[in-house]
C-alpha atoms as a PDB file:
ATOM      1  CA  MET A   1      70.742  85.676  90.868  1.00  0.00           C
ATOM      2  CA  PRO A   2      72.782  87.133  93.592  1.00  0.00           C
ATOM      3  CA  THR A   3      76.305  87.712  94.454  1.00  0.00           C
ATOM      4  CA  LEU A   4      77.144  84.666  96.393  1.00  0.00           C
ATOM      5  CA  ALA A   5      80.401  85.373  98.810  1.00  0.00           C
ATOM      6  CA  ALA A   6      81.903  84.094 102.639  1.00  0.00           C
ATOM      7  CA  ILE A   7      82.568  85.603 105.358  1.00  0.00           C
ATOM      8  CA  PHE A   8      86.450  85.919 106.450  1.00  0.00           C
ATOM      9  CA  PRO A   9      85.546  86.251 109.745  1.00  0.00           C
ATOM     10  CA  PRO A  10      88.159  87.905 112.578  1.00  0.00           C
ATOM     11  CA  THR A  11      87.531  85.060 115.050  1.00  0.00           C
ATOM     12  CA  GLN A  12      89.346  83.114 111.761  1.00  0.00           C
ATOM     13  CA  ALA A  13      93.563  83.501 112.602  1.00  0.00           C
ATOM     14  CA  PRO A  14      94.908  86.587 110.106  1.00  0.00           C
ATOM     15  CA  GLU A  15      97.601  83.570 108.916  1.00  0.00           C
ATOM     16  CA  ARG A  16      94.974  81.229 108.099  1.00  0.00           C
ATOM     17  CA  LEU A  17      93.680  84.409 105.493  1.00  0.00           C
ATOM     18  CA  ASN A  18      96.005  83.122 102.348  1.00  0.00           C
ATOM     19  CA  ALA A  19      95.080  80.023 102.404  1.00  0.00           C
ATOM     20  CA  VAL A  20      91.100  80.839 102.232  1.00  0.00           C
ATOM     21  CA  ALA A  21      91.365  83.345  99.650  1.00  0.00           C
ATOM     22  CA  LEU A  22      93.602  80.569  98.038  1.00  0.00           C
ATOM     23  CA  ALA A  23      90.869  78.478  97.766  1.00  0.00           C
ATOM     24  CA  ALA A  24      87.907  80.627  97.576  1.00  0.00           C
ATOM     25  CA  GLU A  25      89.891  81.918  93.607  1.00  0.00           C
ATOM     26  CA  ALA A  26      89.849  78.253  93.050  1.00  0.00           C
ATOM     27  CA  ALA A  27      86.766  77.439  93.939  1.00  0.00           C
ATOM     28  CA  GLY A  28      85.706  79.411  91.154  1.00  0.00           C
ATOM     29  CA  LEU A  29      83.844  81.094  94.481  1.00  0.00           C
ATOM     30  CA  ALA A  30      82.657  85.610  93.601  1.00  0.00           C
ATOM     31  CA  GLN A  31      83.700  87.517  96.800  1.00  0.00           C
ATOM     32  CA  LEU A  32      85.059  87.613  99.749  1.00  0.00           C
ATOM     33  CA  TRP A  33      84.173  89.626 103.402  1.00  0.00           C
ATOM     34  CA  VAL A  34      86.255  90.148 105.970  1.00  0.00           C
ATOM     35  CA  TRP A  35      85.030  92.142 109.292  1.00  0.00           C
ATOM     36  CA  GLU A  36      86.703  94.966 111.136  1.00  0.00           C
ATOM     37  CA  ASP A  37      85.843  94.152 114.811  1.00  0.00           C
ATOM     38  CA  CYS A  38      87.460  95.798 117.661  1.00  0.00           C
ATOM     39  CA  PHE A  39      90.015  94.431 118.596  1.00  0.00           C
ATOM     40  CA  SER A  40      90.449  91.567 116.280  1.00  0.00           C
ATOM     41  CA  GLU A  41      91.112  92.545 112.898  1.00  0.00           C
ATOM     42  CA  SER A  42      92.448  95.447 110.825  1.00  0.00           C
ATOM     43  CA  GLY A  43      89.981  95.666 107.862  1.00  0.00           C
ATOM     44  CA  ILE A  44      92.601  97.477 105.588  1.00  0.00           C
ATOM     45  CA  ALA A  45      94.473  94.944 105.988  1.00  0.00           C
ATOM     46  CA  THR A  46      92.716  92.323 105.827  1.00  0.00           C
ATOM     47  CA  ALA A  47      90.704  92.832 102.075  1.00  0.00           C
ATOM     48  CA  THR A  48      94.645  93.778 100.796  1.00  0.00           C
ATOM     49  CA  ALA A  49      95.703  90.848 101.757  1.00  0.00           C
ATOM     50  CA  ILE A  50      93.527  89.203  99.799  1.00  0.00           C
ATOM     51  CA  LEU A  51      93.725  91.100  97.070  1.00  0.00           C
ATOM     52  CA  ALA A  52      97.365  90.488  96.671  1.00  0.00           C
ATOM     53  CA  ALA A  53      96.924  86.789  97.463  1.00  0.00           C
ATOM     54  CA  THR A  54      94.021  86.662  94.225  1.00  0.00           C
ATOM     55  CA  SER A  55      93.736  87.951  90.778  1.00  0.00           C
ATOM     56  CA  ARG A  56      89.429  87.909  90.185  1.00  0.00           C
ATOM     57  CA  VAL A  57      88.032  87.293  93.889  1.00  0.00           C
ATOM     58  CA  THR A  58      86.526  91.254  95.207  1.00  0.00           C
ATOM     59  CA  VAL A  59      86.488  91.675  98.255  1.00  0.00           C
ATOM     60  CA  GLY A  60      84.340  93.802 100.622  1.00  0.00           C
ATOM     61  CA  ILE A  61      84.801  95.504 103.998  1.00  0.00           C
ATOM     62  CA  GLY A  62      81.701  94.910 106.369  1.00  0.00           C
ATOM     63  CA  LEU A  63      82.191  97.616 107.639  1.00  0.00           C
ATOM     64  CA  LEU A  64      84.653 100.446 109.176  1.00  0.00           C
ATOM     65  CA  PRO A  65      83.695 101.550 112.352  1.00  0.00           C
ATOM     66  CA  VAL A  66      83.781 105.843 111.305  1.00  0.00           C
ATOM     67  CA  PRO A  67      85.343 107.209 114.095  1.00  0.00           C
ATOM     68  CA  LEU A  68      88.138 104.984 114.448  1.00  0.00           C
ATOM     69  CA  ARG A  69      89.663 107.630 111.200  1.00  0.00           C
ATOM     70  CA  ASN A  70      89.867 110.482 110.943  1.00  0.00           C
ATOM     71  CA  VAL A  71      87.965 110.036 107.133  1.00  0.00           C
ATOM     72  CA  ALA A  72      90.982 111.762 104.888  1.00  0.00           C
ATOM     73  CA  LEU A  73      93.112 108.528 106.126  1.00  0.00           C
ATOM     74  CA  THR A  74      89.885 106.660 105.780  1.00  0.00           C
ATOM     75  CA  ALA A  75      90.404 107.537 101.520  1.00  0.00           C
ATOM     76  CA  MET A  76      93.997 107.387 101.074  1.00  0.00           C
ATOM     77  CA  GLU A  77      93.401 103.761 102.190  1.00  0.00           C
ATOM     78  CA  ILE A  78      90.546 102.187  99.822  1.00  0.00           C
ATOM     79  CA  ALA A  79      92.091 104.837  97.123  1.00  0.00           C
ATOM     80  CA  THR A  80      95.002 103.308  97.269  1.00  0.00           C
ATOM     81  CA  MET A  81      93.666  99.602  97.379  1.00  0.00           C
ATOM     82  CA  ALA A  82      90.991 100.138  94.713  1.00  0.00           C
ATOM     83  CA  ARG A  83      93.605 102.068  92.229  1.00  0.00           C
ATOM     84  CA  LEU A  84      95.855  98.279  92.759  1.00  0.00           C
ATOM     85  CA  PHE A  85      93.099  96.430  92.738  1.00  0.00           C
ATOM     86  CA  PRO A  86      90.760  98.321  90.199  1.00  0.00           C
ATOM     87  CA  GLY A  87      87.301  96.905  90.388  1.00  0.00           C
ATOM     88  CA  ARG A  88      87.662  94.552  92.459  1.00  0.00           C
ATOM     89  CA  LEU A  89      86.849  96.352  96.074  1.00  0.00           C
ATOM     90  CA  THR A  90      84.026  96.956  98.089  1.00  0.00           C
ATOM     91  CA  ALA A  91      83.776  99.193 100.875  1.00  0.00           C
ATOM     92  CA  GLY A  92      81.747  99.521 103.640  1.00  0.00           C
ATOM     93  CA  VAL A  93      81.596 102.049 107.084  1.00  0.00           C
ATOM     94  CA  GLY A  94      79.493 102.386 110.027  1.00  0.00           C
ATOM     95  CA  HIS A  95      78.757 103.559 113.520  1.00  0.00           C
ATOM     96  CA  GLY A  96      80.705 100.715 115.128  1.00  0.00           C
ATOM     97  CA  VAL A  97      79.229  99.106 118.100  1.00  0.00           C
ATOM     98  CA  LEU A  98      79.282 101.895 120.308  1.00  0.00           C
ATOM     99  CA  ASP A  99      80.369 100.040 123.374  1.00  0.00           C
ATOM    100  CA  TRP A 100      83.445  99.253 121.771  1.00  0.00           C
ATOM    101  CA  MET A 101      84.257 103.010 120.809  1.00  0.00           C
ATOM    102  CA  SER A 102      83.508 104.269 124.269  1.00  0.00           C
ATOM    103  CA  GLN A 103      86.070 101.543 125.627  1.00  0.00           C
ATOM    104  CA  VAL A 104      89.272 103.674 122.658  1.00  0.00           C
ATOM    105  CA  GLY A 105      87.971 106.943 123.446  1.00  0.00           C
ATOM    106  CA  ALA A 106      86.120 107.492 120.439  1.00  0.00           C
ATOM    107  CA  ARG A 107      82.801 107.503 121.231  1.00  0.00           C
ATOM    108  CA  ALA A 108      81.073 109.957 119.559  1.00  0.00           C
ATOM    109  CA  GLU A 109      77.639 111.909 120.866  1.00  0.00           C
ATOM    110  CA  SER A 110      75.954 112.042 117.640  1.00  0.00           C
ATOM    111  CA  PRO A 111      76.853 108.770 116.157  1.00  0.00           C
ATOM    112  CA  MET A 112      74.164 109.914 113.012  1.00  0.00           C
ATOM    113  CA  THR A 113      75.930 112.953 112.858  1.00  0.00           C
ATOM    114  CA  LEU A 114      78.956 112.061 112.321  1.00  0.00           C
ATOM    115  CA  LEU A 115      78.369 108.855 109.823  1.00  0.00           C
ATOM    116  CA  ARG A 116      76.609 111.837 107.407  1.00  0.00           C
ATOM    117  CA  GLU A 117      79.189 113.686 107.831  1.00  0.00           C
ATOM    118  CA  TYR A 118      81.407 111.224 107.650  1.00  0.00           C
ATOM    119  CA  THR A 119      80.052 109.473 104.224  1.00  0.00           C
ATOM    120  CA  THR A 120      79.740 112.949 102.423  1.00  0.00           C
ATOM    121  CA  ALA A 121      82.829 113.448 102.661  1.00  0.00           C
ATOM    122  CA  LEU A 122      84.626 110.638 101.634  1.00  0.00           C
ATOM    123  CA  TYR A 123      82.359 109.984  98.665  1.00  0.00           C
ATOM    124  CA  ALA A 124      83.646 112.896  97.458  1.00  0.00           C
ATOM    125  CA  LEU A 125      86.925 112.402  98.293  1.00  0.00           C
ATOM    126  CA  LEU A 126      86.885 109.528  96.775  1.00  0.00           C
ATOM    127  CA  HIS A 127      85.019 110.966  93.514  1.00  0.00           C
ATOM    128  CA  GLY A 128      88.566 113.295  92.943  1.00  0.00           C
ATOM    129  CA  ASP A 129      86.368 116.257  94.694  1.00  0.00           C
ATOM    130  CA  THR A 130      88.787 119.169  96.923  1.00  0.00           C
ATOM    131  CA  VAL A 131      86.597 119.552  99.979  1.00  0.00           C
ATOM    132  CA  THR A 132      86.070 121.823 102.139  1.00  0.00           C
ATOM    133  CA  THR A 133      83.468 121.336 105.641  1.00  0.00           C
ATOM    134  CA  HIS A 134      83.199 121.867 108.936  1.00  0.00           C
ATOM    135  CA  GLY A 135      81.144 120.265 110.766  1.00  0.00           C
ATOM    136  CA  ARG A 136      80.549 118.832 114.829  1.00  0.00           C
ATOM    137  CA  TYR A 137      82.841 116.024 113.662  1.00  0.00           C
ATOM    138  CA  VAL A 138      84.600 116.201 110.017  1.00  0.00           C
ATOM    139  CA  HIS A 139      86.837 119.021 109.690  1.00  0.00           C
ATOM    140  CA  LEU A 140      88.658 119.687 105.876  1.00  0.00           C
ATOM    141  CA  ASP A 141      90.144 122.247 104.774  1.00  0.00           C
ATOM    142  CA  GLU A 142      90.932 122.104 100.185  1.00  0.00           C
ATOM    143  CA  VAL A 143      91.942 118.105 101.311  1.00  0.00           C
ATOM    144  CA  ALA A 144      91.884 115.998  98.107  1.00  0.00           C
ATOM    145  CA  LEU A 145      93.708 112.867  96.899  1.00  0.00           C
ATOM    146  CA  ASP A 146      96.553 113.326  94.754  1.00  0.00           C
ATOM    147  CA  TRP A 147      95.351 109.788  93.403  1.00  0.00           C
ATOM    148  CA  PRO A 148      92.361 109.343  93.682  1.00  0.00           C
ATOM    149  CA  PRO A 149      91.168 105.770  92.394  1.00  0.00           C
ATOM    150  CA  ALA A 150      90.407 105.451  88.595  1.00  0.00           C
ATOM    151  CA  VAL A 151      87.561 102.886  89.122  1.00  0.00           C
ATOM    152  CA  VAL A 152      85.763 104.688  92.229  1.00  0.00           C
ATOM    153  CA  PRO A 153      84.514 101.275  94.432  1.00  0.00           C
ATOM    154  CA  PRO A 154      81.478 101.454  95.677  1.00  0.00           C
ATOM    155  CA  LEU A 155      80.137 102.678  99.370  1.00  0.00           C
ATOM    156  CA  LEU A 156      78.108 101.164 101.374  1.00  0.00           C
ATOM    157  CA  VAL A 157      76.644 101.766 104.510  1.00  0.00           C
ATOM    158  CA  GLY A 158      75.988  99.924 107.201  1.00  0.00           C
ATOM    159  CA  GLY A 159      72.696  99.445 108.781  1.00  0.00           C
ATOM    160  CA  ILE A 160      69.502  98.076 110.212  1.00  0.00           C
ATOM    161  CA  ARG A 161      67.626 101.137 112.125  1.00  0.00           C
ATOM    162  CA  PRO A 162      65.281 103.158 109.672  1.00  0.00           C
ATOM    163  CA  ARG A 163      67.337 106.299 110.454  1.00  0.00           C
ATOM    164  CA  THR A 164      70.607 104.548 109.061  1.00  0.00           C
ATOM    165  CA  VAL A 165      68.803 102.559 106.589  1.00  0.00           C
ATOM    166  CA  SER A 166      67.947 106.344 105.567  1.00  0.00           C
ATOM    167  CA  LEU A 167      70.878 107.515 105.218  1.00  0.00           C
ATOM    168  CA  ALA A 168      72.907 105.144 103.030  1.00  0.00           C
ATOM    169  CA  GLY A 169      70.094 105.372 100.607  1.00  0.00           C
ATOM    170  CA  GLU A 170      70.362 109.508 100.992  1.00  0.00           C
ATOM    171  CA  LEU A 171      74.286 109.046 100.174  1.00  0.00           C
ATOM    172  CA  ALA A 172      75.799 105.870  99.301  1.00  0.00           C
ATOM    173  CA  ASP A 173      75.849 103.290  97.061  1.00  0.00           C
ATOM    174  CA  GLY A 174      74.392 100.761  98.744  1.00  0.00           C
ATOM    175  CA  LEU A 175      73.581  98.780 102.078  1.00  0.00           C
ATOM    176  CA  ILE A 176      74.965  96.017 104.512  1.00  0.00           C
ATOM    177  CA  ILE A 177      72.194  94.779 106.789  1.00  0.00           C
ATOM    178  CA  PRO A 178      73.222  92.173 109.206  1.00  0.00           C
ATOM    179  CA  GLY A 179      73.036  89.643 110.792  1.00  0.00           C
ATOM    180  CA  GLY A 180      70.478  88.370 112.580  1.00  0.00           C
ATOM    181  CA  VAL A 181      67.300  89.677 110.732  1.00  0.00           C
ATOM    182  CA  SER A 182      64.694  88.212 109.014  1.00  0.00           C
ATOM    183  CA  PRO A 183      63.878  88.229 104.848  1.00  0.00           C
ATOM    184  CA  GLU A 184      60.366  90.248 105.725  1.00  0.00           C
ATOM    185  CA  ASP A 185      63.404  92.631 107.658  1.00  0.00           C
ATOM    186  CA  VAL A 186      66.078  92.533 104.732  1.00  0.00           C
ATOM    187  CA  ARG A 187      62.436  93.807 102.808  1.00  0.00           C
ATOM    188  CA  THR A 188      61.879  96.331 104.860  1.00  0.00           C
ATOM    189  CA  SER A 189      64.913  98.155 105.410  1.00  0.00           C
ATOM    190  CA  VAL A 190      65.246  97.900 100.966  1.00  0.00           C
ATOM    191  CA  ARG A 191      62.056  99.833 100.794  1.00  0.00           C
ATOM    192  CA  GLN A 192      63.464 102.254 103.850  1.00  0.00           C
ATOM    193  CA  PHE A 193      66.696 102.104 101.798  1.00  0.00           C
ATOM    194  CA  HIS A 194      65.077 103.631  98.459  1.00  0.00           C
ATOM    195  CA  ALA A 195      63.243 105.985  99.952  1.00  0.00           C
ATOM    196  CA  GLY A 196      66.052 107.594 100.691  1.00  0.00           C
ATOM    197  CA  ARG A 197      67.166 107.472  97.413  1.00  0.00           C
ATOM    198  CA  THR A 198      64.407 109.257  96.158  1.00  0.00           C
ATOM    199  CA  ALA A 199      63.796 111.649  98.831  1.00  0.00           C
ATOM    200  CA  ALA A 200      67.483 113.125  98.297  1.00  0.00           C
ATOM    201  CA  GLY A 201      67.025 113.492  94.725  1.00  0.00           C
ATOM    202  CA  ARG A 202      69.188 110.470  93.231  1.00  0.00           C
ATOM    203  CA  ALA A 203      68.851 108.057  89.955  1.00  0.00           C
ATOM    204  CA  ALA A 204      66.864 105.110  91.272  1.00  0.00           C
ATOM    205  CA  ALA A 205      68.641 102.962  88.724  1.00  0.00           C
ATOM    206  CA  GLY A 206      71.809 103.134  91.563  1.00  0.00           C
ATOM    207  CA  PRO A 207      74.905 104.325  92.039  1.00  0.00           C
ATOM    208  CA  ALA A 208      76.343 107.413  89.652  1.00  0.00           C
ATOM    209  CA  ASP A 209      79.096 105.432  88.918  1.00  0.00           C
ATOM    210  CA  THR A 210      78.503 102.405  86.839  1.00  0.00           C
ATOM    211  CA  SER A 211      82.272 101.372  85.833  1.00  0.00           C
ATOM    212  CA  ARG A 212      82.823  99.845  89.004  1.00  0.00           C
ATOM    213  CA  THR A 213      82.590  96.126  89.285  1.00  0.00           C
ATOM    214  CA  ALA A 214      83.611  95.190  92.592  1.00  0.00           C
ATOM    215  CA  ALA A 215      79.734  94.294  93.760  1.00  0.00           C
ATOM    216  CA  GLY A 216      78.113  94.220  90.943  1.00  0.00           C
ATOM    217  CA  PRO A 217      77.723  93.953  87.094  1.00  0.00           C
ATOM    218  CA  ALA A 218      78.808  96.956  85.378  1.00  0.00           C
ATOM    219  CA  ASP A 219      75.884  98.000  84.085  1.00  0.00           C
ATOM    220  CA  ALA A 220      73.847  96.246  87.058  1.00  0.00           C
ATOM    221  CA  GLY A 221      72.475 100.158  87.225  1.00  0.00           C
ATOM    222  CA  LEU A 222      71.446  98.428  90.858  1.00  0.00           C
ATOM    223  CA  ALA A 223      72.033  99.698  94.420  1.00  0.00           C
ATOM    224  CA  ASP A 224      73.823  96.806  96.566  1.00  0.00           C
ATOM    225  CA  ILE A 225      72.201  95.416  99.060  1.00  0.00           C
ATOM    226  CA  VAL A 226      74.649  93.341 100.973  1.00  0.00           C
ATOM    227  CA  VAL A 227      73.006  90.820 103.543  1.00  0.00           C
ATOM    228  CA  PHE A 228      75.083  88.906 106.002  1.00  0.00           C
ATOM    229  CA  VAL A 229      74.139  85.599 106.675  1.00  0.00           C
ATOM    230  CA  SER A 230      74.943  82.642 109.301  1.00  0.00           C
ATOM    231  CA  VAL A 231      75.043  78.987 108.091  1.00  0.00           C
ATOM    232  CA  PRO A 232      75.790  75.217 110.424  1.00  0.00           C
ATOM    233  CA  ALA A 233      79.710  75.094 107.475  1.00  0.00           C
ATOM    234  CA  ASP A 234      78.472  71.618 107.164  1.00  0.00           C
ATOM    235  CA  GLY A 235      75.021  71.889 104.925  1.00  0.00           C
ATOM    236  CA  PRO A 236      73.196  70.389 104.126  1.00  0.00           C
ATOM    237  CA  ALA A 237      73.504  72.686 100.645  1.00  0.00           C
ATOM    238  CA  ALA A 238      69.573  72.477  99.725  1.00  0.00           C
ATOM    239  CA  ALA A 239      68.477  74.253 103.062  1.00  0.00           C
ATOM    240  CA  THR A 240      71.544  76.792 102.681  1.00  0.00           C
ATOM    241  CA  ALA A 241      70.466  76.912  99.151  1.00  0.00           C
ATOM    242  CA  THR A 242      66.240  77.993 100.728  1.00  0.00           C
ATOM    243  CA  THR A 243      68.032  80.577 103.311  1.00  0.00           C
ATOM    244  CA  ILE A 244      70.222  82.422 100.438  1.00  0.00           C
ATOM    245  CA  ASN A 245      66.879  82.656  97.750  1.00  0.00           C
ATOM    246  CA  ALA A 246      64.774  83.749 100.882  1.00  0.00           C
ATOM    247  CA  TYR A 247      67.132  86.933 100.919  1.00  0.00           C
ATOM    248  CA  ALA A 248      67.346  87.462  97.334  1.00  0.00           C
ATOM    249  CA  ARG A 249      63.443  87.329  96.927  1.00  0.00           C
ATOM    250  CA  ALA A 250      63.239  90.035 100.102  1.00  0.00           C
ATOM    251  CA  GLY A 251      65.567  92.562  97.834  1.00  0.00           C
ATOM    252  CA  ALA A 252      69.190  91.467  98.705  1.00  0.00           C
ATOM    253  CA  THR A 253      71.797  91.604  95.578  1.00  0.00           C
ATOM    254  CA  HIS A 254      74.323  90.279  97.228  1.00  0.00           C
ATOM    255  CA  ILE A 255      74.440  87.712 100.372  1.00  0.00           C
ATOM    256  CA  ALA A 256      77.786  86.603 102.292  1.00  0.00           C
ATOM    257  CA  VAL A 257      77.535  83.573 104.280  1.00  0.00           C
ATOM    258  CA  ASN A 258      79.240  82.935 107.879  1.00  0.00           C
ATOM    259  CA  ALA A 259      80.107  80.120 109.010  1.00  0.00           C
ATOM    260  CA  ALA A 260      78.412  79.665 112.079  1.00  0.00           C
ATOM    261  CA  GLU A 261      81.097  77.669 113.861  1.00  0.00           C
ATOM    262  CA  SER A 262      83.637  79.926 114.899  1.00  0.00           C
ATOM    263  CA  GLY A 263      86.966  77.179 114.129  1.00  0.00           C
ATOM    264  CA  ALA A 264      85.263  76.056 110.866  1.00  0.00           C
ATOM    265  CA  ASP A 265      87.397  74.638 107.773  1.00  0.00           C
ATOM    266  CA  LEU A 266      87.463  78.042 105.651  1.00  0.00           C
ATOM    267  CA  GLU A 267      89.052  76.678 103.002  1.00  0.00           C
ATOM    268  CA  ARG A 268      86.280  73.786 102.312  1.00  0.00           C
ATOM    269  CA  PHE A 269      83.240  76.256 103.138  1.00  0.00           C
ATOM    270  CA  VAL A 270      84.129  77.911 100.535  1.00  0.00           C
ATOM    271  CA  GLY A 271      83.995  74.700  97.847  1.00  0.00           C
ATOM    272  CA  PHE A 272      81.074  74.149  99.319  1.00  0.00           C
ATOM    273  CA  LEU A 273      79.593  77.192  98.615  1.00  0.00           C
ATOM    274  CA  ALA A 274      80.664  77.847  95.433  1.00  0.00           C
ATOM    275  CA  HIS A 275      80.641  74.037  94.021  1.00  0.00           C
ATOM    276  CA  GLN A 276      77.341  72.742  96.429  1.00  0.00           C
ATOM    277  CA  VAL A 277      75.082  76.259  96.961  1.00  0.00           C
ATOM    278  CA  ALA A 278      75.626  77.950  94.479  1.00  0.00           C
ATOM    279  CA  PRO A 279      73.681  75.891  91.653  1.00  0.00           C
ATOM    280  CA  LEU A 280      70.857  75.635  93.620  1.00  0.00           C
ATOM    281  CA  ILE A 281      70.259  79.739  94.003  1.00  0.00           C
ATOM    282  CA  ASP A 282      67.456  80.678  91.792  1.00  0.00           C
ATOM    283  CA  GLU A 283      67.839  83.468  88.957  1.00  0.00           C
ATOM    284  CA  PRO A 284      66.791  86.160  89.900  1.00  0.00           C
END
C-alpha cells in the first residue's frame, strides 16, 4: 500500500503549521510534506517545526532548490535534523524554478551540471564521507560533517524531464514527481528512473541504506517514488481514493495530497485523508 501524506503548502501561513501537524498526528496520518517556494517559507524551518511538534509523523521536504544554498550548509542542516529526529525525515533537492533563481541572482548556466555536482556531494557528506571536489559549481576541500546522521535520511531528486529523472535514478534514493502529471506520465518516469539506476550499476532493489524509515519501512527495499497530487478539500473520499490508487498502480510509493483550494482547512483535511480516504486505498 502506498504511503498517504498531506502537503502543507506555502500558501498557508506558517503560524498554522503547528495545529495542522498536531491534527495529522492525532488522526494517524503517516506523513506531511512541505514545499520551499520562493519567497514564502523555508523548507528546513517548516520541516523542523513539524518534527518538533509531533512524535510519530514523518516529514518530507520537497524540495530544496540547489542554487540557493551551499551544499555544505544543506548537509549540516539535514544532518542536524536527522540526528534530532532519526528516521523521520526525507529530503528532496532540485533545480528550483529558474525564474525565481534569476530573481535572486542564483540561476546556473547549466542547471543539470549543478544538480549533478550538488547531489553527488550532498549524498557523500550525509553518508559520512570526506569530500574534495572541484566542479563547475561545487567546490569542497576535505569537507566532512562532524555530526553525520546516524540514520541517513533518504535523499530524493525532484523533476519530470527525462534527464533529471535519469539523474535521480543514478545518484539519489528516489524521485519526487511534481503535480499536474498523469498516471501514465508517472509510469514513464518510473521506468526512466530505474533505467538510470541500472545504467549506473546501482542495486535495483533501492537505496543503499535500508535502515531509514522516513519515506518507507526499513525493509521495503524499494526506491521512493513520491507523487504530488491536488484534490478538492471536501472530497468525496471515493474520488480522492480513486485518484490515489491510479498513481499507486503507476508506480508511486508515496502520494502526497494537496488541498486544491488555497485557503482550505488543513486540520480538517488531514483528518479526511486519514479517516475517510486511507481505508479506500488498495493493497498492492
